[in-house]
């Protein structure tokens, strides 16, 4: 399981369509494997009401979500659940503060 970290907070303008990316590299690197690195094989985002998930994508290391906001100005948590080639599963959350820029 990844170390407990502070949840990063991003300011998101209500009219914006933006992407947010989680870099899982530090989580994947410490695993003692033949090539010294595990890799993402699945990534799924969970978003609350008020957030529209437009697109999600991932590669060996990065998980990205594209979103728009349909809710009001407040805080929203977006959680990324990943599975690795070696069968590890974990979650990481980012927080959006919705307000006009």
C-alpha atoms as a PDB file:
ATOM      1  CA  UNK A   1       0.000   0.000   0.000  1.00  0.00           C
ATOM      2  CA  UNK A   2       1.268   3.491  -0.835  1.00  0.00           C
ATOM      3  CA  UNK A   3       2.375   5.682   2.012  1.00  0.00           C
ATOM      4  CA  UNK A   4      -0.324   7.955   3.371  1.00  0.00           C
ATOM      5  CA  UNK A   5       0.236  11.402   1.891  1.00  0.00           C
ATOM      6  CA  UNK A   6      -1.474  14.743   2.054  1.00  0.00           C
ATOM      7  CA  UNK A   7      -4.096  15.016  -0.646  1.00  0.00           C
ATOM      8  CA  UNK A   8      -2.972  17.532  -3.287  1.00  0.00           C
ATOM      9  CA  UNK A   9      -5.472  20.348  -3.883  1.00  0.00           C
ATOM     10  CA  UNK A  10      -5.920  21.981  -7.307  1.00  0.00           C
ATOM     11  CA  UNK A  11      -7.976  25.064  -8.177  1.00  0.00           C
ATOM     12  CA  UNK A  12     -10.361  24.298 -11.039  1.00  0.00           C
ATOM     13  CA  UNK A  13     -12.354  26.978 -12.864  1.00  0.00           C
ATOM     14  CA  UNK A  14     -15.998  25.889 -13.299  1.00  0.00           C
ATOM     15  CA  UNK A  15     -15.881  26.577 -17.063  1.00  0.00           C
ATOM     16  CA  UNK A  16     -12.655  24.644 -17.667  1.00  0.00           C
ATOM     17  CA  UNK A  17     -12.120  21.218 -19.215  1.00  0.00           C
ATOM     18  CA  UNK A  18      -8.792  20.048 -17.781  1.00  0.00           C
ATOM     19  CA  UNK A  19      -6.647  17.002 -17.251  1.00  0.00           C
ATOM     20  CA  UNK A  20      -5.049  15.850 -14.004  1.00  0.00           C
ATOM     21  CA  UNK A  21      -2.328  13.210 -13.791  1.00  0.00           C
ATOM     22  CA  UNK A  22      -1.026  11.034 -10.980  1.00  0.00           C
ATOM     23  CA  UNK A  23       2.576   9.891 -11.295  1.00  0.00           C
ATOM     24  CA  UNK A  24       2.784   6.411  -9.750  1.00  0.00           C
ATOM     25  CA  UNK A  25       6.541   6.162 -10.442  1.00  0.00           C
ATOM     26  CA  UNK A  26       7.689   6.331  -6.801  1.00  0.00           C
ATOM     27  CA  UNK A  27       5.142   3.660  -5.854  1.00  0.00           C
ATOM     28  CA  UNK A  28       6.242   1.352  -8.674  1.00  0.00           C
ATOM     29  CA  UNK A  29      10.015   1.795  -8.403  1.00  0.00           C
ATOM     30  CA  UNK A  30      10.798   0.243  -4.987  1.00  0.00           C
ATOM     31  CA  UNK A  31       9.463  -3.156  -6.011  1.00  0.00           C
ATOM     32  CA  UNK A  32      12.375  -5.584  -6.411  1.00  0.00           C
ATOM     33  CA  UNK A  33      11.744  -7.023  -9.850  1.00  0.00           C
ATOM     34  CA  UNK A  34      14.017  -8.173 -12.647  1.00  0.00           C
ATOM     35  CA  UNK A  35      13.700  -4.818 -14.423  1.00  0.00           C
ATOM     36  CA  UNK A  36      13.489  -2.884 -11.110  1.00  0.00           C
ATOM     37  CA  UNK A  37      10.076  -1.454 -11.963  1.00  0.00           C
ATOM     38  CA  UNK A  38       6.493  -2.648 -11.784  1.00  0.00           C
ATOM     39  CA  UNK A  39       3.965  -1.128 -14.214  1.00  0.00           C
ATOM     40  CA  UNK A  40       0.309  -0.096 -14.325  1.00  0.00           C
ATOM     41  CA  UNK A  41      -1.974  -2.514 -16.147  1.00  0.00           C
ATOM     42  CA  UNK A  42      -5.290  -0.950 -15.099  1.00  0.00           C
ATOM     43  CA  UNK A  43      -6.414   2.447 -13.871  1.00  0.00           C
ATOM     44  CA  UNK A  44      -9.927   3.537 -12.981  1.00  0.00           C
ATOM     45  CA  UNK A  45     -11.096   6.882 -11.651  1.00  0.00           C
ATOM     46  CA  UNK A  46     -14.024   7.465  -9.304  1.00  0.00           C
ATOM     47  CA  UNK A  47     -15.586  10.923  -9.398  1.00  0.00           C
ATOM     48  CA  UNK A  48     -18.438  12.358  -7.313  1.00  0.00           C
ATOM     49  CA  UNK A  49     -21.667  13.916  -8.514  1.00  0.00           C
ATOM     50  CA  UNK A  50     -20.878  17.381  -9.841  1.00  0.00           C
ATOM     51  CA  UNK A  51     -17.834  16.193 -11.820  1.00  0.00           C
ATOM     52  CA  UNK A  52     -18.093  14.801 -15.349  1.00  0.00           C
ATOM     53  CA  UNK A  53     -15.374  12.379 -16.384  1.00  0.00           C
ATOM     54  CA  UNK A  54     -14.658  13.133 -20.045  1.00  0.00           C
ATOM     55  CA  UNK A  55     -11.764  10.747 -20.596  1.00  0.00           C
ATOM     56  CA  UNK A  56      -9.312   8.588 -18.659  1.00  0.00           C
ATOM     57  CA  UNK A  57      -6.056   7.054 -19.814  1.00  0.00           C
ATOM     58  CA  UNK A  58      -2.908   5.498 -18.411  1.00  0.00           C
ATOM     59  CA  UNK A  59       0.454   4.107 -19.383  1.00  0.00           C
ATOM     60  CA  UNK A  60       3.078   2.147 -17.423  1.00  0.00           C
ATOM     61  CA  UNK A  61       3.519   4.967 -14.903  1.00  0.00           C
ATOM     62  CA  UNK A  62       0.929   7.759 -15.257  1.00  0.00           C
ATOM     63  CA  UNK A  63      -2.855   7.816 -14.768  1.00  0.00           C
ATOM     64  CA  UNK A  64      -4.698  10.776 -16.288  1.00  0.00           C
ATOM     65  CA  UNK A  65      -8.267  12.008 -16.065  1.00  0.00           C
ATOM     66  CA  UNK A  66     -10.001  14.739 -18.095  1.00  0.00           C
ATOM     67  CA  UNK A  67     -12.920  16.396 -16.341  1.00  0.00           C
ATOM     68  CA  UNK A  68     -15.496  19.149 -16.485  1.00  0.00           C
ATOM     69  CA  UNK A  69     -17.517  20.488 -13.569  1.00  0.00           C
ATOM     70  CA  UNK A  70     -21.292  20.495 -13.399  1.00  0.00           C
ATOM     71  CA  UNK A  71     -21.544  21.159  -9.655  1.00  0.00           C
ATOM     72  CA  UNK A  72     -21.176  24.175  -7.455  1.00  0.00           C
ATOM     73  CA  UNK A  73     -18.131  25.813  -5.927  1.00  0.00           C
ATOM     74  CA  UNK A  74     -16.842  23.411  -3.276  1.00  0.00           C
ATOM     75  CA  UNK A  75     -14.267  20.653  -2.769  1.00  0.00           C
ATOM     76  CA  UNK A  76     -14.410  17.422  -4.767  1.00  0.00           C
ATOM     77  CA  UNK A  77     -12.263  14.306  -4.309  1.00  0.00           C
ATOM     78  CA  UNK A  78     -11.262  12.271  -7.386  1.00  0.00           C
ATOM     79  CA  UNK A  79      -9.799   8.844  -6.619  1.00  0.00           C
ATOM     80  CA  UNK A  80      -7.599   6.768  -8.898  1.00  0.00           C
ATOM     81  CA  UNK A  81      -7.518   2.987  -8.311  1.00  0.00           C
ATOM     82  CA  UNK A  82      -4.674   1.150 -10.031  1.00  0.00           C
ATOM     83  CA  UNK A  83      -3.593  -2.446 -10.545  1.00  0.00           C
ATOM     84  CA  UNK A  84       0.010  -3.283 -11.422  1.00  0.00           C
ATOM     85  CA  UNK A  85       1.588  -6.017 -13.512  1.00  0.00           C
ATOM     86  CA  UNK A  86       2.649  -7.729 -10.274  1.00  0.00           C
ATOM     87  CA  UNK A  87      -0.930  -7.680  -8.924  1.00  0.00           C
ATOM     88  CA  UNK A  88      -0.614  -4.777  -6.502  1.00  0.00           C
ATOM     89  CA  UNK A  89      -3.669  -2.532  -6.079  1.00  0.00           C
ATOM     90  CA  UNK A  90      -3.822   0.892  -4.492  1.00  0.00           C
ATOM     91  CA  UNK A  91      -5.695   4.205  -4.470  1.00  0.00           C
ATOM     92  CA  UNK A  92      -4.588   7.812  -4.631  1.00  0.00           C
ATOM     93  CA  UNK A  93      -6.839  10.862  -4.381  1.00  0.00           C
ATOM     94  CA  UNK A  94      -6.618  14.415  -5.654  1.00  0.00           C
ATOM     95  CA  UNK A  95      -8.869  17.226  -4.447  1.00  0.00           C
ATOM     96  CA  UNK A  96     -10.354  19.982  -6.583  1.00  0.00           C
ATOM     97  CA  UNK A  97     -11.456  23.329  -5.216  1.00  0.00           C
ATOM     98  CA  UNK A  98     -13.947  24.744  -7.688  1.00  0.00           C
ATOM     99  CA  UNK A  99     -13.870  28.508  -8.059  1.00  0.00           C
ATOM    100  CA  UNK A 100     -13.648  31.174 -10.733  1.00  0.00           C
ATOM    101  CA  UNK A 101     -10.105  32.149 -11.638  1.00  0.00           C
END
